[in-house]
N, C-alpha and C. Protein backbone atom coordinates (compact mmCIF):
# COMPACT_ATOMS: atom_id res chain seq x y z
N MET A 1 0.85 -1.17 0.00
CA MET A 1 0.00 0.00 0.00
C MET A 1 0.90 1.23 0.00
N THR A 2 0.58 2.16 -0.86
CA THR A 2 1.33 3.40 -0.91
C THR A 2 0.35 4.57 -0.85
N PRO A 3 -0.02 4.98 0.36
CA PRO A 3 -0.98 6.08 0.47
C PRO A 3 -0.36 7.41 0.10
N ALA A 4 -1.20 8.36 -0.27
CA ALA A 4 -0.73 9.71 -0.54
C ALA A 4 -0.03 10.24 0.69
N GLY A 5 0.98 11.04 0.47
CA GLY A 5 1.70 11.64 1.59
C GLY A 5 2.98 10.92 1.96
N LEU A 6 3.19 9.73 1.41
CA LEU A 6 4.44 9.04 1.70
C LEU A 6 5.51 9.46 0.69
N PRO A 7 6.74 9.61 1.15
CA PRO A 7 7.82 9.91 0.21
C PRO A 7 8.00 8.75 -0.78
N PRO A 8 8.60 9.02 -1.94
CA PRO A 8 8.83 7.96 -2.93
C PRO A 8 9.58 6.77 -2.31
N GLY A 9 9.10 5.58 -2.63
CA GLY A 9 9.73 4.35 -2.15
C GLY A 9 9.23 3.87 -0.79
N TRP A 10 8.55 4.73 -0.04
CA TRP A 10 8.00 4.32 1.25
C TRP A 10 6.71 3.56 1.01
N ARG A 11 6.36 2.66 1.94
CA ARG A 11 5.12 1.89 1.79
C ARG A 11 4.62 1.46 3.16
N VAL A 12 3.35 1.05 3.18
CA VAL A 12 2.74 0.46 4.37
C VAL A 12 2.30 -0.94 3.97
N ASP A 13 2.69 -1.93 4.76
CA ASP A 13 2.21 -3.28 4.48
C ASP A 13 1.71 -3.91 5.77
N THR A 14 1.07 -5.04 5.62
CA THR A 14 0.46 -5.72 6.77
C THR A 14 1.18 -7.01 7.14
N SER A 15 2.31 -7.25 6.52
CA SER A 15 3.08 -8.45 6.88
C SER A 15 4.18 -8.06 7.86
N TRP A 16 4.52 -8.99 8.72
CA TRP A 16 5.58 -8.73 9.68
C TRP A 16 6.29 -10.03 10.01
N GLY A 17 7.53 -9.90 10.42
CA GLY A 17 8.32 -11.06 10.79
C GLY A 17 9.05 -10.80 12.10
N GLN A 18 9.99 -11.66 12.43
CA GLN A 18 10.69 -11.55 13.70
C GLN A 18 11.48 -10.25 13.83
N ALA A 19 12.11 -9.79 12.74
CA ALA A 19 12.85 -8.53 12.80
C ALA A 19 11.90 -7.37 13.11
N ASP A 20 10.69 -7.41 12.52
CA ASP A 20 9.69 -6.38 12.79
C ASP A 20 9.23 -6.46 14.24
N LEU A 21 8.99 -7.67 14.72
CA LEU A 21 8.58 -7.86 16.12
C LEU A 21 9.65 -7.27 17.04
N ASP A 22 10.91 -7.51 16.74
CA ASP A 22 12.00 -6.97 17.56
C ASP A 22 11.96 -5.44 17.57
N ALA A 23 11.75 -4.83 16.40
CA ALA A 23 11.72 -3.37 16.30
C ALA A 23 10.51 -2.79 17.03
N VAL A 24 9.35 -3.40 16.86
CA VAL A 24 8.14 -2.92 17.54
C VAL A 24 8.31 -3.07 19.05
N HIS A 25 8.82 -4.20 19.48
CA HIS A 25 9.02 -4.42 20.91
C HIS A 25 10.01 -3.42 21.50
N ALA A 26 11.08 -3.14 20.78
CA ALA A 26 12.08 -2.18 21.28
C ALA A 26 11.45 -0.82 21.55
N TYR A 27 10.48 -0.44 20.75
CA TYR A 27 9.79 0.83 20.98
C TYR A 27 8.74 0.69 22.09
N LEU A 28 7.87 -0.29 21.98
CA LEU A 28 6.72 -0.38 22.88
C LEU A 28 7.10 -0.71 24.31
N VAL A 29 8.20 -1.39 24.52
CA VAL A 29 8.59 -1.74 25.88
C VAL A 29 8.83 -0.49 26.73
N THR A 30 9.05 0.65 26.06
CA THR A 30 9.25 1.91 26.79
C THR A 30 8.08 2.88 26.64
N ALA A 31 7.06 2.53 25.88
CA ALA A 31 5.92 3.43 25.64
C ALA A 31 5.07 3.57 26.90
N TYR A 32 4.53 4.76 27.12
CA TYR A 32 3.77 5.02 28.35
C TYR A 32 2.56 4.09 28.50
N TRP A 33 1.98 3.63 27.41
CA TRP A 33 0.74 2.84 27.52
C TRP A 33 1.00 1.35 27.73
N CYS A 34 2.21 0.89 27.51
CA CYS A 34 2.47 -0.55 27.72
C CYS A 34 3.91 -0.80 28.17
N GLU A 35 4.40 0.08 28.98
CA GLU A 35 5.78 -0.01 29.46
C GLU A 35 6.07 -1.40 30.04
N GLY A 36 7.17 -1.97 29.59
CA GLY A 36 7.58 -3.27 30.10
C GLY A 36 6.90 -4.46 29.44
N ILE A 37 6.14 -4.24 28.38
CA ILE A 37 5.41 -5.35 27.75
C ILE A 37 6.39 -6.47 27.35
N PRO A 38 6.14 -7.68 27.81
CA PRO A 38 7.02 -8.79 27.43
C PRO A 38 6.90 -9.08 25.92
N ARG A 39 8.02 -9.48 25.34
CA ARG A 39 8.05 -9.76 23.91
C ARG A 39 7.02 -10.83 23.54
N ALA A 40 6.88 -11.87 24.35
CA ALA A 40 5.93 -12.95 24.05
C ALA A 40 4.49 -12.44 24.07
N VAL A 41 4.17 -11.52 24.96
CA VAL A 41 2.82 -10.95 25.02
C VAL A 41 2.57 -10.13 23.76
N LEU A 42 3.56 -9.32 23.37
CA LEU A 42 3.40 -8.51 22.16
C LEU A 42 3.25 -9.40 20.93
N GLU A 43 4.01 -10.47 20.86
CA GLU A 43 3.91 -11.37 19.71
C GLU A 43 2.50 -11.96 19.61
N ARG A 44 1.93 -12.35 20.73
CA ARG A 44 0.56 -12.88 20.72
C ARG A 44 -0.44 -11.80 20.30
N ALA A 45 -0.23 -10.57 20.77
CA ALA A 45 -1.12 -9.47 20.41
C ALA A 45 -1.04 -9.18 18.92
N MET A 46 0.17 -9.16 18.38
CA MET A 46 0.34 -8.90 16.95
C MET A 46 -0.27 -10.02 16.11
N ALA A 47 -0.12 -11.25 16.57
CA ALA A 47 -0.65 -12.39 15.82
C ALA A 47 -2.17 -12.35 15.72
N GLY A 48 -2.84 -11.75 16.71
CA GLY A 48 -4.29 -11.69 16.70
C GLY A 48 -4.87 -10.38 16.19
N SER A 49 -4.03 -9.55 15.56
CA SER A 49 -4.45 -8.21 15.14
C SER A 49 -4.11 -7.96 13.69
N LEU A 50 -4.65 -6.87 13.16
CA LEU A 50 -4.20 -6.34 11.87
C LEU A 50 -3.02 -5.41 12.17
N ASN A 51 -1.91 -5.65 11.52
CA ASN A 51 -0.70 -4.88 11.76
C ASN A 51 -0.37 -4.05 10.53
N PHE A 52 -0.06 -2.78 10.73
CA PHE A 52 0.29 -1.88 9.64
C PHE A 52 1.70 -1.39 9.89
N VAL A 53 2.60 -1.77 8.98
CA VAL A 53 4.02 -1.49 9.13
C VAL A 53 4.43 -0.45 8.10
N LEU A 54 4.94 0.67 8.58
CA LEU A 54 5.47 1.71 7.71
C LEU A 54 6.94 1.39 7.42
N ARG A 55 7.27 1.28 6.14
CA ARG A 55 8.63 0.91 5.74
C ARG A 55 9.27 1.98 4.88
N ASP A 56 10.57 2.20 5.11
CA ASP A 56 11.34 3.11 4.27
C ASP A 56 11.79 2.35 3.02
N PRO A 57 12.42 3.02 2.05
CA PRO A 57 12.78 2.33 0.80
C PRO A 57 13.62 1.07 0.96
N PRO A 58 14.57 0.99 1.92
CA PRO A 58 15.25 -0.32 2.08
C PRO A 58 14.37 -1.39 2.72
N GLY A 59 13.18 -1.01 3.24
CA GLY A 59 12.28 -1.99 3.84
C GLY A 59 12.32 -2.05 5.35
N ARG A 60 13.06 -1.13 5.99
CA ARG A 60 13.12 -1.12 7.46
C ARG A 60 11.83 -0.57 8.05
N LEU A 61 11.42 -1.13 9.18
CA LEU A 61 10.25 -0.65 9.91
C LEU A 61 10.57 0.73 10.49
N ARG A 62 9.76 1.73 10.14
CA ARG A 62 9.96 3.10 10.64
C ARG A 62 8.75 3.61 11.38
N GLY A 63 7.64 2.86 11.32
CA GLY A 63 6.43 3.21 12.05
C GLY A 63 5.53 1.99 12.11
N TYR A 64 4.55 2.05 12.98
CA TYR A 64 3.72 0.87 13.21
C TYR A 64 2.37 1.29 13.80
N ALA A 65 1.35 0.54 13.50
CA ALA A 65 0.02 0.67 14.12
C ALA A 65 -0.62 -0.71 14.14
N ARG A 66 -1.38 -0.96 15.21
CA ARG A 66 -2.05 -2.24 15.36
C ARG A 66 -3.54 -1.98 15.54
N VAL A 67 -4.37 -2.80 14.88
CA VAL A 67 -5.82 -2.67 15.01
C VAL A 67 -6.37 -4.02 15.48
N VAL A 68 -7.10 -3.97 16.58
CA VAL A 68 -7.81 -5.13 17.11
C VAL A 68 -9.24 -5.00 16.62
N SER A 69 -9.73 -6.01 15.90
CA SER A 69 -11.04 -5.87 15.28
C SER A 69 -11.68 -7.22 14.97
N ASP A 70 -13.01 -7.22 14.94
CA ASP A 70 -13.74 -8.37 14.41
C ASP A 70 -13.89 -8.23 12.90
N ARG A 71 -13.46 -7.09 12.36
CA ARG A 71 -13.44 -6.78 10.92
C ARG A 71 -14.84 -6.65 10.32
N VAL A 72 -15.84 -6.50 11.17
CA VAL A 72 -17.21 -6.35 10.69
C VAL A 72 -17.90 -5.17 11.38
N THR A 73 -17.78 -5.09 12.72
CA THR A 73 -18.54 -4.08 13.45
C THR A 73 -17.69 -3.12 14.27
N PHE A 74 -16.52 -3.56 14.73
CA PHE A 74 -15.77 -2.79 15.72
C PHE A 74 -14.27 -2.90 15.49
N ALA A 75 -13.55 -1.81 15.78
CA ALA A 75 -12.09 -1.83 15.74
C ALA A 75 -11.54 -0.91 16.82
N TYR A 76 -10.38 -1.29 17.33
CA TYR A 76 -9.66 -0.51 18.33
C TYR A 76 -8.24 -0.29 17.80
N LEU A 77 -7.87 0.95 17.63
CA LEU A 77 -6.54 1.32 17.14
C LEU A 77 -5.61 1.50 18.32
N CYS A 78 -4.43 0.88 18.25
CA CYS A 78 -3.49 0.98 19.37
C CYS A 78 -2.05 0.82 18.88
N ASP A 79 -1.13 1.05 19.79
CA ASP A 79 0.30 0.82 19.58
C ASP A 79 0.86 1.58 18.37
N VAL A 80 0.39 2.80 18.16
CA VAL A 80 0.83 3.60 17.02
C VAL A 80 2.11 4.34 17.37
N PHE A 81 3.10 4.25 16.49
CA PHE A 81 4.30 5.07 16.66
C PHE A 81 5.01 5.28 15.33
N ILE A 82 5.77 6.36 15.28
CA ILE A 82 6.69 6.69 14.19
C ILE A 82 8.04 6.89 14.85
N ASP A 83 9.11 6.39 14.24
CA ASP A 83 10.44 6.61 14.79
C ASP A 83 10.63 8.08 15.10
N GLU A 84 11.13 8.36 16.28
CA GLU A 84 11.21 9.74 16.76
C GLU A 84 11.89 10.72 15.80
N PRO A 85 13.02 10.39 15.19
CA PRO A 85 13.65 11.38 14.31
C PRO A 85 12.84 11.70 13.06
N LEU A 86 11.83 10.89 12.75
CA LEU A 86 11.02 11.07 11.54
C LEU A 86 9.68 11.74 11.81
N ARG A 87 9.40 12.05 13.05
CA ARG A 87 8.12 12.66 13.39
C ARG A 87 8.02 14.07 12.82
N GLY A 88 6.79 14.51 12.56
CA GLY A 88 6.56 15.85 12.04
C GLY A 88 6.72 15.96 10.53
N GLN A 89 6.83 14.83 9.84
CA GLN A 89 7.02 14.84 8.40
C GLN A 89 5.80 14.29 7.65
N GLY A 90 4.70 14.07 8.35
CA GLY A 90 3.48 13.57 7.72
C GLY A 90 3.40 12.06 7.61
N LEU A 91 4.39 11.35 8.15
CA LEU A 91 4.38 9.89 8.06
C LEU A 91 3.26 9.27 8.90
N GLY A 92 2.99 9.85 10.07
CA GLY A 92 1.90 9.36 10.90
C GLY A 92 0.56 9.54 10.21
N ASP A 93 0.37 10.69 9.56
CA ASP A 93 -0.87 10.92 8.81
C ASP A 93 -1.03 9.88 7.71
N ALA A 94 0.05 9.60 6.99
CA ALA A 94 -0.02 8.62 5.90
C ALA A 94 -0.33 7.22 6.44
N LEU A 95 0.28 6.86 7.56
CA LEU A 95 0.03 5.55 8.16
C LEU A 95 -1.44 5.42 8.58
N ILE A 96 -1.97 6.44 9.25
CA ILE A 96 -3.37 6.39 9.69
C ILE A 96 -4.31 6.38 8.48
N ALA A 97 -4.01 7.18 7.46
CA ALA A 97 -4.86 7.20 6.25
C ALA A 97 -4.90 5.82 5.62
N CYS A 98 -3.76 5.15 5.60
CA CYS A 98 -3.69 3.81 5.00
C CYS A 98 -4.54 2.81 5.77
N LEU A 99 -4.44 2.81 7.08
CA LEU A 99 -5.21 1.81 7.84
C LEU A 99 -6.70 2.13 7.82
N ILE A 100 -7.06 3.40 7.83
CA ILE A 100 -8.48 3.77 7.74
C ILE A 100 -9.08 3.28 6.41
N ALA A 101 -8.26 3.26 5.36
CA ALA A 101 -8.74 2.84 4.04
C ALA A 101 -8.65 1.34 3.80
N ALA A 102 -8.09 0.59 4.74
CA ALA A 102 -7.92 -0.86 4.55
C ALA A 102 -9.26 -1.54 4.32
N PRO A 103 -9.35 -2.40 3.31
CA PRO A 103 -10.62 -3.09 3.02
C PRO A 103 -11.21 -3.83 4.21
N GLU A 104 -10.36 -4.40 5.07
CA GLU A 104 -10.84 -5.16 6.22
C GLU A 104 -11.53 -4.29 7.26
N LEU A 105 -11.34 -2.97 7.16
CA LEU A 105 -11.87 -2.07 8.18
C LEU A 105 -12.96 -1.15 7.66
N GLN A 106 -13.59 -1.53 6.57
CA GLN A 106 -14.67 -0.72 6.01
C GLN A 106 -16.01 -1.16 6.58
N GLY A 107 -16.93 -0.21 6.74
CA GLY A 107 -18.28 -0.51 7.20
C GLY A 107 -18.41 -0.77 8.68
N LEU A 108 -17.38 -0.42 9.46
CA LEU A 108 -17.45 -0.64 10.91
C LEU A 108 -18.43 0.33 11.55
N ARG A 109 -19.13 -0.15 12.54
CA ARG A 109 -20.04 0.69 13.31
C ARG A 109 -19.27 1.59 14.27
N ARG A 110 -18.18 1.10 14.82
CA ARG A 110 -17.40 1.87 15.79
C ARG A 110 -15.91 1.59 15.61
N PHE A 111 -15.11 2.65 15.62
CA PHE A 111 -13.66 2.57 15.52
C PHE A 111 -13.13 3.50 16.62
N CYS A 112 -12.45 2.97 17.60
CA CYS A 112 -12.04 3.81 18.72
C CYS A 112 -10.55 3.73 18.98
N LEU A 113 -10.09 4.62 19.82
CA LEU A 113 -8.69 4.65 20.23
C LEU A 113 -8.59 5.48 21.49
N PHE A 114 -7.45 5.40 22.14
CA PHE A 114 -7.13 6.23 23.28
C PHE A 114 -5.78 6.86 23.01
N THR A 115 -5.64 8.15 23.34
CA THR A 115 -4.36 8.82 23.16
C THR A 115 -4.18 9.86 24.25
N ARG A 116 -2.95 10.06 24.65
CA ARG A 116 -2.63 11.09 25.63
C ARG A 116 -2.32 12.41 24.95
N ASP A 117 -1.73 12.34 23.74
CA ASP A 117 -1.18 13.57 23.18
C ASP A 117 -1.27 13.72 21.66
N ALA A 118 -1.99 12.84 20.97
CA ALA A 118 -2.03 12.92 19.51
C ALA A 118 -3.44 13.17 18.98
N HIS A 119 -4.24 13.89 19.72
CA HIS A 119 -5.63 14.15 19.32
C HIS A 119 -5.72 14.80 17.95
N GLY A 120 -4.84 15.75 17.66
CA GLY A 120 -4.86 16.44 16.38
C GLY A 120 -4.66 15.50 15.20
N LEU A 121 -3.73 14.57 15.34
CA LEU A 121 -3.47 13.59 14.28
C LEU A 121 -4.74 12.80 13.98
N TYR A 122 -5.35 12.27 14.99
CA TYR A 122 -6.52 11.41 14.78
C TYR A 122 -7.75 12.21 14.34
N ALA A 123 -7.89 13.43 14.81
CA ALA A 123 -9.01 14.27 14.40
C ALA A 123 -8.96 14.52 12.89
N ARG A 124 -7.77 14.65 12.32
CA ARG A 124 -7.65 14.85 10.87
C ARG A 124 -8.19 13.67 10.07
N HIS A 125 -8.38 12.54 10.73
CA HIS A 125 -8.86 11.32 10.06
C HIS A 125 -10.27 10.93 10.51
N GLY A 126 -10.97 11.87 11.15
CA GLY A 126 -12.37 11.64 11.47
C GLY A 126 -12.67 11.21 12.90
N PHE A 127 -11.65 10.95 13.70
CA PHE A 127 -11.90 10.57 15.09
C PHE A 127 -12.34 11.79 15.88
N THR A 128 -13.30 11.61 16.77
CA THR A 128 -13.81 12.68 17.61
C THR A 128 -13.83 12.21 19.06
N PRO A 129 -13.93 13.14 20.01
CA PRO A 129 -14.09 12.71 21.41
C PRO A 129 -15.34 11.84 21.54
N LEU A 130 -15.36 11.01 22.55
CA LEU A 130 -16.51 10.14 22.77
C LEU A 130 -17.79 10.96 22.87
N ALA A 131 -18.82 10.58 22.12
CA ALA A 131 -20.09 11.30 22.14
C ALA A 131 -20.79 11.15 23.48
N ALA A 132 -20.62 10.01 24.11
CA ALA A 132 -21.26 9.75 25.40
C ALA A 132 -20.25 9.08 26.33
N PRO A 133 -19.27 9.86 26.83
CA PRO A 133 -18.25 9.23 27.68
C PRO A 133 -18.81 8.58 28.93
N ASP A 134 -19.98 9.03 29.37
CA ASP A 134 -20.59 8.45 30.56
C ASP A 134 -21.06 7.01 30.33
N ARG A 135 -21.13 6.57 29.07
CA ARG A 135 -21.53 5.20 28.77
C ARG A 135 -20.36 4.23 28.77
N GLY A 136 -19.17 4.75 28.64
CA GLY A 136 -17.99 3.90 28.56
C GLY A 136 -17.50 3.46 29.92
N MET A 137 -16.96 2.28 29.96
CA MET A 137 -16.37 1.75 31.19
C MET A 137 -15.10 1.01 30.80
N GLU A 138 -14.21 0.84 31.74
CA GLU A 138 -12.98 0.14 31.45
C GLU A 138 -12.38 -0.46 32.72
N ILE A 139 -11.54 -1.42 32.52
CA ILE A 139 -10.67 -1.94 33.57
C ILE A 139 -9.26 -1.57 33.13
N VAL A 140 -8.54 -0.85 33.95
CA VAL A 140 -7.19 -0.43 33.62
C VAL A 140 -6.25 -0.96 34.69
N ARG A 141 -5.16 -1.53 34.26
CA ARG A 141 -4.15 -2.06 35.18
C ARG A 141 -2.80 -1.41 34.89
N PRO A 142 -2.61 -0.17 35.36
CA PRO A 142 -1.35 0.52 35.08
C PRO A 142 -0.16 -0.28 35.62
N GLY A 143 0.90 -0.29 34.85
CA GLY A 143 2.12 -0.96 35.28
C GLY A 143 2.05 -2.47 35.27
N LEU A 144 1.00 -3.06 34.70
CA LEU A 144 0.84 -4.51 34.72
C LEU A 144 2.07 -5.22 34.17
N TYR A 145 2.58 -4.75 33.04
CA TYR A 145 3.70 -5.45 32.39
C TYR A 145 4.97 -5.35 33.21
N LEU A 146 5.10 -4.29 33.99
CA LEU A 146 6.28 -4.16 34.84
C LEU A 146 6.26 -5.19 35.98
N LYS A 147 5.07 -5.73 36.27
CA LYS A 147 4.92 -6.74 37.30
C LYS A 147 5.04 -8.16 36.75
N LEU A 148 5.08 -8.28 35.43
CA LEU A 148 5.16 -9.59 34.81
C LEU A 148 6.60 -10.09 34.76
N GLN A 149 6.73 -11.38 34.84
CA GLN A 149 8.03 -12.01 34.72
C GLN A 149 7.87 -13.16 33.71
N ASN A 150 8.59 -13.09 32.60
CA ASN A 150 8.48 -14.09 31.54
C ASN A 150 7.07 -14.19 30.99
N GLY A 151 6.36 -13.07 30.95
CA GLY A 151 5.01 -13.06 30.39
C GLY A 151 3.93 -13.52 31.36
N ASN A 152 4.29 -13.87 32.59
CA ASN A 152 3.33 -14.31 33.59
C ASN A 152 3.41 -13.42 34.81
N LEU A 153 2.31 -13.27 35.55
CA LEU A 153 2.35 -12.48 36.77
C LEU A 153 3.33 -13.11 37.74
N ALA A 154 4.15 -12.27 38.31
CA ALA A 154 5.19 -12.74 39.25
C ALA A 154 4.57 -13.10 40.58
């Protein structure tokens, strides 16, 4: 997939391998939303999700987004990142545009996400604050992965 806004030779694809898993894990293990995530947990999460990998012309992973979905009614966007030195160049916009346009994610009744600091990025692609936040509920376990040992609770 080559969405508008990507520099020549850049692409987004949905295939990933061990080298990609290593690169995604290296970033996410320090991310505020999943700090300390064990590699085995991330591998299981990626295996059960739609993965969007932003690649530079040599094919290296430079950005990533994961979508958890039944592919019919609902999707949850998570684990989005662009390599820090490349931020501010429109690559995040191109990655989000690509996944929003993915055939597997068309006709969904609800597509949601949570973000601490990228509201502007997602708003450009149609995401809005929750219409009825009082209806939503969640179970949150901050620091859960930091308490895990070998992918299991210590």
